[in-house]
Amino acid sequence: MTPDEARDSLTTISHDTAELLDIDGWKESGAPSVGSCSGGLNWAYIYGAPIPDSAPLEDAQTVADYWKGLGMTVRINTEHDPVVFATGGPLQGISFSTGPGSYYFSGTSLCVPGDADDWR
């Protein structure tokens, strides 16, 4: 996988998952940021929306089911506002938070060969 493919995988999964939730107002917090990892580089990305009038636990389950279908290992924490955590498959990791203040995805791509300094 190339650095471009790793970045695109992260943003595509975030956007495709958001489309499942019937929520308006999704925005990037900024462009994906590049970082160094063991053996190369990876990307970090945050994508969020205002909290909707919906059922957060149902939304969390929708996200979890989709990510499981992508081959990721998934768990839902319901201690406070529901949060979904996933690792493996096409990403190093990603989470979906239902609060406080906003819904958002925060993820990290797989580590791929490359030099982060060359991408900055």
PDB file of N, CA and C in Angstrom:
ATOM      1  N   MET A   1       0.849  -1.173   0.000  1.00  0.00           N
ATOM      2  CA  MET A   1       0.000   0.000   0.000  1.00  0.00           C
ATOM      3  C   MET A   1       0.895   1.236   0.000  1.00  0.00           C
ATOM      4  N   THR A   2       0.537   2.222  -0.798  1.00  0.00           N
ATOM      5  CA  THR A   2       1.296   3.469  -0.873  1.00  0.00           C
ATOM      6  C   THR A   2       0.797   4.442   0.201  1.00  0.00           C
ATOM      7  N   PRO A   3       1.562   5.495   0.472  1.00  0.00           N
ATOM      8  CA  PRO A   3       1.082   6.516   1.414  1.00  0.00           C
ATOM      9  C   PRO A   3      -0.254   7.129   0.980  1.00  0.00           C
ATOM     10  N   ASP A   4      -0.431   7.381  -0.312  1.00  0.00           N
ATOM     11  CA  ASP A   4      -1.705   7.932  -0.795  1.00  0.00           C
ATOM     12  C   ASP A   4      -2.850   6.964  -0.521  1.00  0.00           C
ATOM     13  N   GLU A   5      -2.632   5.682  -0.770  1.00  0.00           N
ATOM     14  CA  GLU A   5      -3.675   4.675  -0.537  1.00  0.00           C
ATOM     15  C   GLU A   5      -4.011   4.556   0.943  1.00  0.00           C
ATOM     16  N   ALA A   6      -3.002   4.646   1.809  1.00  0.00           N
ATOM     17  CA  ALA A   6      -3.241   4.575   3.255  1.00  0.00           C
ATOM     18  C   ALA A   6      -4.087   5.757   3.715  1.00  0.00           C
ATOM     19  N   ARG A   7      -3.751   6.952   3.245  1.00  0.00           N
ATOM     20  CA  ARG A   7      -4.521   8.154   3.585  1.00  0.00           C
ATOM     21  C   ARG A   7      -5.955   8.039   3.066  1.00  0.00           C
ATOM     22  N   ASP A   8      -6.090   7.622   1.823  1.00  0.00           N
ATOM     23  CA  ASP A   8      -7.418   7.517   1.217  1.00  0.00           C
ATOM     24  C   ASP A   8      -8.272   6.461   1.911  1.00  0.00           C
ATOM     25  N   SER A   9      -7.671   5.374   2.343  1.00  0.00           N
ATOM     26  CA  SER A   9      -8.415   4.334   3.060  1.00  0.00           C
ATOM     27  C   SER A   9      -9.003   4.898   4.352  1.00  0.00           C
ATOM     28  N   LEU A  10      -8.217   5.657   5.080  1.00  0.00           N
ATOM     29  CA  LEU A  10      -8.659   6.249   6.339  1.00  0.00           C
ATOM     30  C   LEU A  10      -9.809   7.238   6.116  1.00  0.00           C
ATOM     31  N   THR A  11      -9.653   8.137   5.171  1.00  0.00           N
ATOM     32  CA  THR A  11     -10.704   9.130   4.947  1.00  0.00           C
ATOM     33  C   THR A  11     -11.959   8.492   4.348  1.00  0.00           C
ATOM     34  N   THR A  12     -11.780   7.544   3.456  1.00  0.00           N
ATOM     35  CA  THR A  12     -12.938   6.882   2.842  1.00  0.00           C
ATOM     36  C   THR A  12     -13.746   6.112   3.876  1.00  0.00           C
ATOM     37  N   ILE A  13     -13.083   5.372   4.735  1.00  0.00           N
ATOM     38  CA  ILE A  13     -13.806   4.619   5.771  1.00  0.00           C
ATOM     39  C   ILE A  13     -14.548   5.579   6.698  1.00  0.00           C
ATOM     40  N   SER A  14     -13.923   6.685   7.067  1.00  0.00           N
ATOM     41  CA  SER A  14     -14.590   7.672   7.920  1.00  0.00           C
ATOM     42  C   SER A  14     -15.826   8.233   7.222  1.00  0.00           C
ATOM     43  N   HIS A  15     -15.700   8.629   5.978  1.00  0.00           N
ATOM     44  CA  HIS A  15     -16.815   9.230   5.236  1.00  0.00           C
ATOM     45  C   HIS A  15     -17.912   8.204   4.962  1.00  0.00           C
ATOM     46  N   ASP A  16     -17.525   7.001   4.550  1.00  0.00           N
ATOM     47  CA  ASP A  16     -18.527   5.964   4.264  1.00  0.00           C
ATOM     48  C   ASP A  16     -19.311   5.587   5.519  1.00  0.00           C
ATOM     49  N   THR A  17     -18.633   5.533   6.646  1.00  0.00           N
ATOM     50  CA  THR A  17     -19.312   5.216   7.902  1.00  0.00           C
ATOM     51  C   THR A  17     -20.276   6.340   8.273  1.00  0.00           C
ATOM     52  N   ALA A  18     -19.835   7.586   8.128  1.00  0.00           N
ATOM     53  CA  ALA A  18     -20.694   8.733   8.450  1.00  0.00           C
ATOM     54  C   ALA A  18     -21.974   8.714   7.615  1.00  0.00           C
ATOM     55  N   GLU A  19     -21.876   8.292   6.370  1.00  0.00           N
ATOM     56  CA  GLU A  19     -23.049   8.254   5.491  1.00  0.00           C
ATOM     57  C   GLU A  19     -24.114   7.277   5.987  1.00  0.00           C
ATOM     58  N   LEU A  20     -23.726   6.299   6.780  1.00  0.00           N
ATOM     59  CA  LEU A  20     -24.678   5.326   7.314  1.00  0.00           C
ATOM     60  C   LEU A  20     -25.568   5.916   8.408  1.00  0.00           C
ATOM     61  N   LEU A  21     -25.210   7.080   8.942  1.00  0.00           N
ATOM     62  CA  LEU A  21     -25.854   7.602  10.148  1.00  0.00           C
ATOM     63  C   LEU A  21     -26.939   8.650   9.910  1.00  0.00           C
ATOM     64  N   ASP A  22     -27.203   9.060   8.697  1.00  0.00           N
ATOM     65  CA  ASP A  22     -28.260  10.028   8.417  1.00  0.00           C
ATOM     66  C   ASP A  22     -28.143  11.280   9.295  1.00  0.00           C
ATOM     67  N   ILE A  23     -26.930  11.838   9.309  1.00  0.00           N
ATOM     68  CA  ILE A  23     -26.621  13.031  10.109  1.00  0.00           C
ATOM     69  C   ILE A  23     -26.039  14.087   9.175  1.00  0.00           C
ATOM     70  N   ASP A  24     -26.500  15.313   9.301  1.00  0.00           N
ATOM     71  CA  ASP A  24     -25.978  16.413   8.495  1.00  0.00           C
ATOM     72  C   ASP A  24     -24.866  17.146   9.242  1.00  0.00           C
ATOM     73  N   GLY A  25     -24.035  17.854   8.479  1.00  0.00           N
ATOM     74  CA  GLY A  25     -23.050  18.738   9.079  1.00  0.00           C
ATOM     75  C   GLY A  25     -21.679  18.140   9.305  1.00  0.00           C
ATOM     76  N   TRP A  26     -21.363  17.023   8.667  1.00  0.00           N
ATOM     77  CA  TRP A  26     -20.027  16.436   8.843  1.00  0.00           C
ATOM     78  C   TRP A  26     -18.972  17.355   8.255  1.00  0.00           C
ATOM     79  N   LYS A  27     -17.875  17.548   8.997  1.00  0.00           N
ATOM     80  CA  LYS A  27     -16.771  18.393   8.552  1.00  0.00           C
ATOM     81  C   LYS A  27     -15.446  17.803   9.004  1.00  0.00           C
ATOM     82  N   GLU A  28     -14.440  18.042   8.188  1.00  0.00           N
ATOM     83  CA  GLU A  28     -13.077  17.665   8.571  1.00  0.00           C
ATOM     84  C   GLU A  28     -12.554  18.683   9.574  1.00  0.00           C
ATOM     85  N   SER A  29     -11.798  18.213  10.547  1.00  0.00           N
ATOM     86  CA  SER A  29     -11.162  19.152  11.469  1.00  0.00           C
ATOM     87  C   SER A  29      -9.910  19.729  10.828  1.00  0.00           C
ATOM     88  N   GLY A  30      -9.527  19.193   9.705  1.00  0.00           N
ATOM     89  CA  GLY A  30      -8.354  19.606   8.946  1.00  0.00           C
ATOM     90  C   GLY A  30      -7.982  18.478   8.009  1.00  0.00           C
ATOM     91  N   ALA A  31      -6.993  18.722   7.193  1.00  0.00           N
ATOM     92  CA  ALA A  31      -6.522  17.672   6.287  1.00  0.00           C
ATOM     93  C   ALA A  31      -5.890  16.552   7.113  1.00  0.00           C
ATOM     94  N   PRO A  32      -5.859  15.345   6.578  1.00  0.00           N
ATOM     95  CA  PRO A  32      -5.167  14.267   7.287  1.00  0.00           C
ATOM     96  C   PRO A  32      -3.724  14.688   7.582  1.00  0.00           C
ATOM     97  N   SER A  33      -3.260  14.364   8.774  1.00  0.00           N
ATOM     98  CA  SER A  33      -1.891  14.724   9.141  1.00  0.00           C
ATOM     99  C   SER A  33      -1.006  13.486   9.108  1.00  0.00           C
ATOM    100  N   VAL A  34       0.207  13.690   8.643  1.00  0.00           N
ATOM    101  CA  VAL A  34       1.145  12.581   8.496  1.00  0.00           C
ATOM    102  C   VAL A  34       2.037  12.496   9.732  1.00  0.00           C
ATOM    103  N   GLY A  35       2.378  11.287  10.116  1.00  0.00           N
ATOM    104  CA  GLY A  35       3.275  11.063  11.238  1.00  0.00           C
ATOM    105  C   GLY A  35       4.197   9.895  10.950  1.00  0.00           C
ATOM    106  N   SER A  36       5.197   9.760  11.769  1.00  0.00           N
ATOM    107  CA  SER A  36       6.143   8.652  11.624  1.00  0.00           C
ATOM    108  C   SER A  36       5.662   7.459  12.430  1.00  0.00           C
ATOM    109  N   CYS A  37       5.946   6.271  11.929  1.00  0.00           N
ATOM    110  CA  CYS A  37       5.652   5.039  12.644  1.00  0.00           C
ATOM    111  C   CYS A  37       6.813   4.083  12.390  1.00  0.00           C
ATOM    112  N   SER A  38       6.827   2.994  13.056  1.00  0.00           N
ATOM    113  CA  SER A  38       7.906   2.027  12.909  1.00  0.00           C
ATOM    114  C   SER A  38       7.959   1.518  11.468  1.00  0.00           C
ATOM    115  N   GLY A  39       8.980   1.910  10.746  1.00  0.00           N
ATOM    116  CA  GLY A  39       9.140   1.448   9.377  1.00  0.00           C
ATOM    117  C   GLY A  39       8.530   2.335   8.322  1.00  0.00           C
ATOM    118  N   GLY A  40       8.020   3.513   8.691  1.00  0.00           N
ATOM    119  CA  GLY A  40       7.442   4.361   7.659  1.00  0.00           C
ATOM    120  C   GLY A  40       6.625   5.514   8.169  1.00  0.00           C
ATOM    121  N   LEU A  41       5.439   5.659   7.567  1.00  0.00           N
ATOM    122  CA  LEU A  41       4.573   6.772   7.929  1.00  0.00           C
ATOM    123  C   LEU A  41       3.136   6.286   8.026  1.00  0.00           C
ATOM    124  N   ASN A  42       2.330   7.083   8.725  1.00  0.00           N
ATOM    125  CA  ASN A  42       0.893   6.831   8.790  1.00  0.00           C
ATOM    126  C   ASN A  42       0.165   8.170   8.847  1.00  0.00           C
ATOM    127  N   TRP A  43      -1.148   8.104   8.732  1.00  0.00           N
ATOM    128  CA  TRP A  43      -1.978   9.295   8.683  1.00  0.00           C
ATOM    129  C   TRP A  43      -2.956   9.296   9.844  1.00  0.00           C
ATOM    130  N   ALA A  44      -3.258  10.474  10.368  1.00  0.00           N
ATOM    131  CA  ALA A  44      -4.285  10.656  11.392  1.00  0.00           C
ATOM    132  C   ALA A  44      -5.357  11.579  10.818  1.00  0.00           C
ATOM    133  N   TYR A  45      -6.609  11.346  11.229  1.00  0.00           N
ATOM    134  CA  TYR A  45      -7.708  12.097  10.637  1.00  0.00           C
ATOM    135  C   TYR A  45      -8.860  12.171  11.617  1.00  0.00           C
ATOM    136  N   ILE A  46      -9.531  13.338  11.656  1.00  0.00           N
ATOM    137  CA  ILE A  46     -10.714  13.533  12.503  1.00  0.00           C
ATOM    138  C   ILE A  46     -11.827  14.114  11.632  1.00  0.00           C
ATOM    139  N   TYR A  47     -13.011  13.537  11.784  1.00  0.00           N
ATOM    140  CA  TYR A  47     -14.174  13.929  10.994  1.00  0.00           C
ATOM    141  C   TYR A  47     -15.362  13.989  11.941  1.00  0.00           C
ATOM    142  N   GLY A  48     -16.031  15.152  12.048  1.00  0.00           N
ATOM    143  CA  GLY A  48     -17.068  15.300  13.053  1.00  0.00           C
ATOM    144  C   GLY A  48     -18.314  16.015  12.580  1.00  0.00           C
ATOM    145  N   ALA A  49     -19.346  15.932  13.415  1.00  0.00           N
ATOM    146  CA  ALA A  49     -20.631  16.580  13.147  1.00  0.00           C
ATOM    147  C   ALA A  49     -21.275  16.969  14.468  1.00  0.00           C
ATOM    148  N   PRO A  50     -22.192  17.945  14.440  1.00  0.00           N
ATOM    149  CA  PRO A  50     -22.939  18.275  15.656  1.00  0.00           C
ATOM    150  C   PRO A  50     -23.754  17.057  16.121  1.00  0.00           C
ATOM    151  N   ILE A  51     -23.966  16.960  17.411  1.00  0.00           N
ATOM    152  CA  ILE A  51     -24.749  15.845  17.945  1.00  0.00           C
ATOM    153  C   ILE A  51     -26.178  15.951  17.415  1.00  0.00           C
ATOM    154  N   PRO A  52     -26.661  14.874  16.803  1.00  0.00           N
ATOM    155  CA  PRO A  52     -28.012  14.896  16.240  1.00  0.00           C
ATOM    156  C   PRO A  52     -29.064  14.513  17.279  1.00  0.00           C
ATOM    157  N   ASP A  53     -30.310  14.667  16.884  1.00  0.00           N
ATOM    158  CA  ASP A  53     -31.418  14.148  17.700  1.00  0.00           C
ATOM    159  C   ASP A  53     -31.644  12.710  17.268  1.00  0.00           C
ATOM    160  N   SER A  54     -30.819  11.820  17.765  1.00  0.00           N
ATOM    161  CA  SER A  54     -30.941  10.410  17.411  1.00  0.00           C
ATOM    162  C   SER A  54     -30.569   9.577  18.628  1.00  0.00           C
ATOM    163  N   ALA A  55     -30.489   8.300  18.425  1.00  0.00           N
ATOM    164  CA  ALA A  55     -30.167   7.385  19.518  1.00  0.00           C
ATOM    165  C   ALA A  55     -28.687   7.023  19.446  1.00  0.00           C
ATOM    166  N   PRO A  56     -27.860   7.573  20.327  1.00  0.00           N
ATOM    167  CA  PRO A  56     -26.418   7.337  20.251  1.00  0.00           C
ATOM    168  C   PRO A  56     -26.028   5.859  20.301  1.00  0.00           C
ATOM    169  N   LEU A  57     -26.694   5.075  21.128  1.00  0.00           N
ATOM    170  CA  LEU A  57     -26.323   3.666  21.218  1.00  0.00           C
ATOM    171  C   LEU A  57     -26.651   2.933  19.918  1.00  0.00           C
ATOM    172  N   GLU A  58     -27.766   3.262  19.305  1.00  0.00           N
ATOM    173  CA  GLU A  58     -28.108   2.660  18.004  1.00  0.00           C
ATOM    174  C   GLU A  58     -27.100   3.081  16.930  1.00  0.00           C
ATOM    175  N   ASP A  59     -26.701   4.350  16.948  1.00  0.00           N
ATOM    176  CA  ASP A  59     -25.695   4.819  16.000  1.00  0.00           C
ATOM    177  C   ASP A  59     -24.368   4.092  16.222  1.00  0.00           C
ATOM    178  N   ALA A  60     -23.992   3.914  17.478  1.00  0.00           N
ATOM    179  CA  ALA A  60     -22.756   3.196  17.791  1.00  0.00           C
ATOM    180  C   ALA A  60     -22.822   1.756  17.284  1.00  0.00           C
ATOM    181  N   GLN A  61     -23.962   1.123  17.427  1.00  0.00           N
ATOM    182  CA  GLN A  61     -24.105  -0.259  16.956  1.00  0.00           C
ATOM    183  C   GLN A  61     -24.033  -0.330  15.434  1.00  0.00           C
ATOM    184  N   THR A  62     -24.615   0.643  14.745  1.00  0.00           N
ATOM    185  CA  THR A  62     -24.530   0.708  13.280  1.00  0.00           C
ATOM    186  C   THR A  62     -23.078   0.794  12.841  1.00  0.00           C
ATOM    187  N   VAL A  63     -22.313   1.669  13.500  1.00  0.00           N
ATOM    188  CA  VAL A  63     -20.890   1.835  13.183  1.00  0.00           C
ATOM    189  C   VAL A  63     -20.134   0.539  13.468  1.00  0.00           C
ATOM    190  N   ALA A  64     -20.368  -0.053  14.626  1.00  0.00           N
ATOM    191  CA  ALA A  64     -19.670  -1.285  15.005  1.00  0.00           C
ATOM    192  C   ALA A  64     -19.944  -2.398  13.998  1.00  0.00           C
ATOM    193  N   ASP A  65     -21.185  -2.551  13.598  1.00  0.00           N
ATOM    194  CA  ASP A  65     -21.535  -3.606  12.636  1.00  0.00           C
ATOM    195  C   ASP A  65     -20.828  -3.394  11.300  1.00  0.00           C
ATOM    196  N   TYR A  66     -20.769  -2.146  10.848  1.00  0.00           N
ATOM    197  CA  TYR A  66     -20.103  -1.847   9.575  1.00  0.00           C
ATOM    198  C   TYR A  66     -18.611  -2.168   9.662  1.00  0.00           C
ATOM    199  N   TRP A  67     -17.973  -1.730  10.737  1.00  0.00           N
ATOM    200  CA  TRP A  67     -16.539  -1.968  10.876  1.00  0.00           C
ATOM    201  C   TRP A  67     -16.228  -3.449  11.024  1.00  0.00           C
ATOM    202  N   LYS A  68     -17.067  -4.197  11.706  1.00  0.00           N
ATOM    203  CA  LYS A  68     -16.865  -5.652  11.777  1.00  0.00           C
ATOM    204  C   LYS A  68     -16.890  -6.246  10.373  1.00  0.00           C
ATOM    205  N   GLY A  69     -17.779  -5.740   9.526  1.00  0.00           N
ATOM    206  CA  GLY A  69     -17.865  -6.201   8.144  1.00  0.00           C
ATOM    207  C   GLY A  69     -16.619  -5.892   7.328  1.00  0.00           C
ATOM    208  N   LEU A  70     -15.821  -4.925   7.786  1.00  0.00           N
ATOM    209  CA  LEU A  70     -14.556  -4.589   7.128  1.00  0.00           C
ATOM    210  C   LEU A  70     -13.397  -5.424   7.664  1.00  0.00           C
ATOM    211  N   GLY A  71     -13.702  -6.357   8.573  1.00  0.00           N
ATOM    212  CA  GLY A  71     -12.670  -7.219   9.127  1.00  0.00           C
ATOM    213  C   GLY A  71     -11.949  -6.653  10.332  1.00  0.00           C
ATOM    214  N   MET A  72     -12.535  -5.661  10.971  1.00  0.00           N
ATOM    215  CA  MET A  72     -11.906  -5.034  12.128  1.00  0.00           C
ATOM    216  C   MET A  72     -12.383  -5.692  13.417  1.00  0.00           C
ATOM    217  N   THR A  73     -11.552  -5.633  14.436  1.00  0.00           N
ATOM    218  CA  THR A  73     -11.921  -6.063  15.777  1.00  0.00           C
ATOM    219  C   THR A  73     -12.550  -4.868  16.471  1.00  0.00           C
ATOM    220  N   VAL A  74     -13.775  -5.031  16.968  1.00  0.00           N
ATOM    221  CA  VAL A  74     -14.569  -3.894  17.431  1.00  0.00           C
ATOM    222  C   VAL A  74     -15.078  -4.124  18.852  1.00  0.00           C
ATOM    223  N   ARG A  75     -15.114  -3.025  19.616  1.00  0.00           N
ATOM    224  CA  ARG A  75     -15.781  -3.061  20.921  1.00  0.00           C
ATOM    225  C   ARG A  75     -16.485  -1.728  21.134  1.00  0.00           C
ATOM    226  N   ILE A  76     -17.577  -1.776  21.901  1.00  0.00           N
ATOM    227  CA  ILE A  76     -18.334  -0.573  22.239  1.00  0.00           C
ATOM    228  C   ILE A  76     -18.225  -0.349  23.737  1.00  0.00           C
ATOM    229  N   ASN A  77     -17.844   0.862  24.131  1.00  0.00           N
ATOM    230  CA  ASN A  77     -17.803   1.252  25.533  1.00  0.00           C
ATOM    231  C   ASN A  77     -19.030   2.115  25.799  1.00  0.00           C
ATOM    232  N   THR A  78     -19.857   1.698  26.749  1.00  0.00           N
ATOM    233  CA  THR A  78     -21.080   2.447  27.070  1.00  0.00           C
ATOM    234  C   THR A  78     -21.040   3.015  28.479  1.00  0.00           C
ATOM    235  N   GLU A  79     -19.840   3.136  29.048  1.00  0.00           N
ATOM    236  CA  GLU A  79     -19.700   3.685  30.394  1.00  0.00           C
ATOM    237  C   GLU A  79     -20.274   5.090  30.506  1.00  0.00           C
ATOM    238  N   HIS A  80     -20.033   5.902  29.497  1.00  0.00           N
ATOM    239  CA  HIS A  80     -20.571   7.272  29.427  1.00  0.00           C
ATOM    240  C   HIS A  80     -21.287   7.377  28.083  1.00  0.00           C
ATOM    241  N   ASP A  81     -21.002   8.413  27.304  1.00  0.00           N
ATOM    242  CA  ASP A  81     -21.520   8.471  25.936  1.00  0.00           C
ATOM    243  C   ASP A  81     -20.904   7.307  25.164  1.00  0.00           C
ATOM    244  N   PRO A  82     -21.698   6.567  24.384  1.00  0.00           N
ATOM    245  CA  PRO A  82     -21.139   5.418  23.675  1.00  0.00           C
ATOM    246  C   PRO A  82     -19.962   5.785  22.774  1.00  0.00           C
ATOM    247  N   VAL A  83     -18.936   4.939  22.807  1.00  0.00           N
ATOM    248  CA  VAL A  83     -17.761   5.081  21.956  1.00  0.00           C
ATOM    249  C   VAL A  83     -17.475   3.719  21.354  1.00  0.00           C
ATOM    250  N   VAL A  84     -17.200   3.707  20.053  1.00  0.00           N
ATOM    251  CA  VAL A  84     -16.834   2.480  19.360  1.00  0.00           C
ATOM    252  C   VAL A  84     -15.342   2.549  19.062  1.00  0.00           C
ATOM    253  N   PHE A  85     -14.630   1.471  19.380  1.00  0.00           N
ATOM    254  CA  PHE A  85     -13.205   1.363  19.091  1.00  0.00           C
ATOM    255  C   PHE A  85     -12.990   0.191  18.139  1.00  0.00           C
ATOM    256  N   ALA A  86     -12.138   0.386  17.126  1.00  0.00           N
ATOM    257  CA  ALA A  86     -11.853  -0.696  16.190  1.00  0.00           C
ATOM    258  C   ALA A  86     -10.375  -0.686  15.821  1.00  0.00           C
ATOM    259  N   THR A  87      -9.842  -1.884  15.628  1.00  0.00           N
ATOM    260  CA  THR A  87      -8.454  -2.039  15.189  1.00  0.00           C
ATOM    261  C   THR A  87      -8.405  -3.130  14.129  1.00  0.00           C
ATOM    262  N   GLY A  88      -7.319  -3.109  13.374  1.00  0.00           N
ATOM    263  CA  GLY A  88      -7.107  -4.158  12.392  1.00  0.00           C
ATOM    264  C   GLY A  88      -7.785  -3.882  11.068  1.00  0.00           C
ATOM    265  N   GLY A  89      -7.768  -4.901  10.221  1.00  0.00           N
ATOM    266  CA  GLY A  89      -8.347  -4.734   8.899  1.00  0.00           C
ATOM    267  C   GLY A  89      -7.614  -3.668   8.117  1.00  0.00           C
ATOM    268  N   PRO A  90      -8.335  -2.737   7.499  1.00  0.00           N
ATOM    269  CA  PRO A  90      -7.709  -1.751   6.628  1.00  0.00           C
ATOM    270  C   PRO A  90      -7.082  -0.555   7.348  1.00  0.00           C
ATOM    271  N   LEU A  91      -7.201  -0.491   8.690  1.00  0.00           N
ATOM    272  CA  LEU A  91      -6.660   0.640   9.452  1.00  0.00           C
ATOM    273  C   LEU A  91      -5.906   0.143  10.676  1.00  0.00           C
ATOM    274  N   GLN A  92      -5.006   0.986  11.175  1.00  0.00           N
ATOM    275  CA  GLN A  92      -4.389   0.677  12.466  1.00  0.00           C
ATOM    276  C   GLN A  92      -5.454   0.751  13.546  1.00  0.00           C
ATOM    277  N   GLY A  93      -6.260   1.808  13.496  1.00  0.00           N
ATOM    278  CA  GLY A  93      -7.329   1.958  14.469  1.00  0.00           C
ATOM    279  C   GLY A  93      -8.206   3.144  14.154  1.00  0.00           C
ATOM    280  N   ILE A  94      -9.444   3.082  14.667  1.00  0.00           N
ATOM    281  CA  ILE A  94     -10.397   4.174  14.484  1.00  0.00           C
ATOM    282  C   ILE A  94     -11.389   4.121  15.640  1.00  0.00           C
ATOM    283  N   SER A  95     -11.910   5.284  15.995  1.00  0.00           N
ATOM    284  CA  SER A  95     -12.949   5.329  17.020  1.00  0.00           C
ATOM    285  C   SER A  95     -14.078   6.240  16.547  1.00  0.00           C
ATOM    286  N   PHE A  96     -15.254   5.995  17.116  1.00  0.00           N
ATOM    287  CA  PHE A  96     -16.428   6.824  16.861  1.00  0.00           C
ATOM    288  C   PHE A  96     -16.982   7.211  18.209  1.00  0.00           C
ATOM    289  N   SER A  97     -17.039   8.508  18.478  1.00  0.00           N
ATOM    290  CA  SER A  97     -17.530   9.019  19.756  1.00  0.00           C
ATOM    291  C   SER A  97     -18.863   9.721  19.541  1.00  0.00           C
ATOM    292  N   THR A  98     -19.796   9.495  20.476  1.00  0.00           N
ATOM    293  CA  THR A  98     -21.112  10.133  20.390  1.00  0.00           C
ATOM    294  C   THR A  98     -21.247  11.314  21.360  1.00  0.00           C
ATOM    295  N   GLY A  99     -20.158  11.788  21.884  1.00  0.00           N
ATOM    296  CA  GLY A  99     -20.220  12.946  22.764  1.00  0.00           C
ATOM    297  C   GLY A  99     -18.990  13.028  23.634  1.00  0.00           C
ATOM    298  N   PRO A 100     -18.904  14.014  24.455  1.00  0.00           N
ATOM    299  CA  PRO A 100     -19.826  15.138  24.598  1.00  0.00           C
ATOM    300  C   PRO A 100     -19.559  16.204  23.541  1.00  0.00           C
ATOM    301  N   GLY A 101     -20.578  16.912  23.176  1.00  0.00           N
ATOM    302  CA  GLY A 101     -20.447  18.057  22.281  1.00  0.00           C
ATOM    303  C   GLY A 101     -20.570  17.771  20.803  1.00  0.00           C
ATOM    304  N   SER A 102     -20.098  16.610  20.343  1.00  0.00           N
ATOM    305  CA  SER A 102     -20.197  16.300  18.919  1.00  0.00           C
ATOM    306  C   SER A 102     -20.018  14.806  18.700  1.00  0.00           C
ATOM    307  N   TYR A 103     -20.448  14.369  17.542  1.00  0.00           N
ATOM    308  CA  TYR A 103     -20.114  13.034  17.048  1.00  0.00           C
ATOM    309  C   TYR A 103     -18.809  13.192  16.293  1.00  0.00           C
ATOM    310  N   TYR A 104     -17.889  12.237  16.399  1.00  0.00           N
ATOM    311  CA  TYR A 104     -16.685  12.334  15.577  1.00  0.00           C
ATOM    312  C   TYR A 104     -15.987  10.994  15.437  1.00  0.00           C
ATOM    313  N   PHE A 105     -15.310  10.879  14.311  1.00  0.00           N
ATOM    314  CA  PHE A 105     -14.428   9.753  14.031  1.00  0.00           C
ATOM    315  C   PHE A 105     -13.003  10.244  14.195  1.00  0.00           C
ATOM    316  N   SER A 106     -12.161   9.432  14.796  1.00  0.00           N
ATOM    317  CA  SER A 106     -10.748   9.742  14.928  1.00  0.00           C
ATOM    318  C   SER A 106      -9.988   8.464  14.598  1.00  0.00           C
ATOM    319  N   GLY A 107      -9.148   8.521  13.564  1.00  0.00           N
ATOM    320  CA  GLY A 107      -8.499   7.296  13.141  1.00  0.00           C
ATOM    321  C   GLY A 107      -7.057   7.473  12.733  1.00  0.00           C
ATOM    322  N   THR A 108      -6.391   6.325  12.593  1.00  0.00           N
ATOM    323  CA  THR A 108      -5.004   6.256  12.152  1.00  0.00           C
ATOM    324  C   THR A 108      -4.894   5.180  11.087  1.00  0.00           C
ATOM    325  N   SER A 109      -4.246   5.519   9.995  1.00  0.00           N
ATOM    326  CA  SER A 109      -4.069   4.565   8.900  1.00  0.00           C
ATOM    327  C   SER A 109      -3.049   3.489   9.282  1.00  0.00           C
ATOM    328  N   LEU A 110      -2.943   2.512   8.414  1.00  0.00           N
ATOM    329  CA  LEU A 110      -1.866   1.537   8.555  1.00  0.00           C
ATOM    330  C   LEU A 110      -0.533   2.245   8.368  1.00  0.00           C
ATOM    331  N   CYS A 111       0.523   1.678   8.928  1.00  0.00           N
ATOM    332  CA  CYS A 111       1.876   2.176   8.717  1.00  0.00           C
ATOM    333  C   CYS A 111       2.358   1.637   7.365  1.00  0.00           C
ATOM    334  N   VAL A 112       2.820   2.526   6.514  1.00  0.00           N
ATOM    335  CA  VAL A 112       3.282   2.136   5.185  1.00  0.00           C
ATOM    336  C   VAL A 112       4.683   2.688   4.953  1.00  0.00           C
ATOM    337  N   PRO A 113       5.430   2.092   4.021  1.00  0.00           N
ATOM    338  CA  PRO A 113       6.770   2.601   3.725  1.00  0.00           C
ATOM    339  C   PRO A 113       6.714   4.046   3.236  1.00  0.00           C
ATOM    340  N   GLY A 114       7.649   4.837   3.709  1.00  0.00           N
ATOM    341  CA  GLY A 114       7.735   6.231   3.300  1.00  0.00           C
ATOM    342  C   GLY A 114       8.353   7.060   4.401  1.00  0.00           C
ATOM    343  N   ASP A 115       8.658   8.295   4.077  1.00  0.00           N
ATOM    344  CA  ASP A 115       9.268   9.223   5.027  1.00  0.00           C
ATOM    345  C   ASP A 115       8.274  10.355   5.286  1.00  0.00           C
ATOM    346  N   ALA A 116       7.817  10.454   6.525  1.00  0.00           N
ATOM    347  CA  ALA A 116       6.825  11.478   6.886  1.00  0.00           C
ATOM    348  C   ALA A 116       7.340  12.880   6.563  1.00  0.00           C
ATOM    349  N   ASP A 117       8.622  13.123   6.749  1.00  0.00           N
ATOM    350  CA  ASP A 117       9.166  14.453   6.465  1.00  0.00           C
ATOM    351  C   ASP A 117       9.004  14.834   4.996  1.00  0.00           C
ATOM    352  N   ASP A 118       9.062  13.854   4.116  1.00  0.00           N
ATOM    353  CA  ASP A 118       8.889  14.133   2.689  1.00  0.00           C
ATOM    354  C   ASP A 118       7.449  14.539   2.369  1.00  0.00           C
ATOM    355  N   TRP A 119       6.500  14.149   3.221  1.00  0.00           N
ATOM    356  CA  TRP A 119       5.081  14.432   2.989  1.00  0.00           C
ATOM    357  C   TRP A 119       4.613  15.699   3.700  1.00  0.00           C
ATOM    358  N   ARG A 120       5.436  16.265   4.555  1.00  0.00           N
ATOM    359  CA  ARG A 120       5.026  17.466   5.270  1.00  0.00           C
ATOM    360  C   ARG A 120       5.218  18.694   4.430  1.00  0.00           C
TER     361      ARG A 120
END
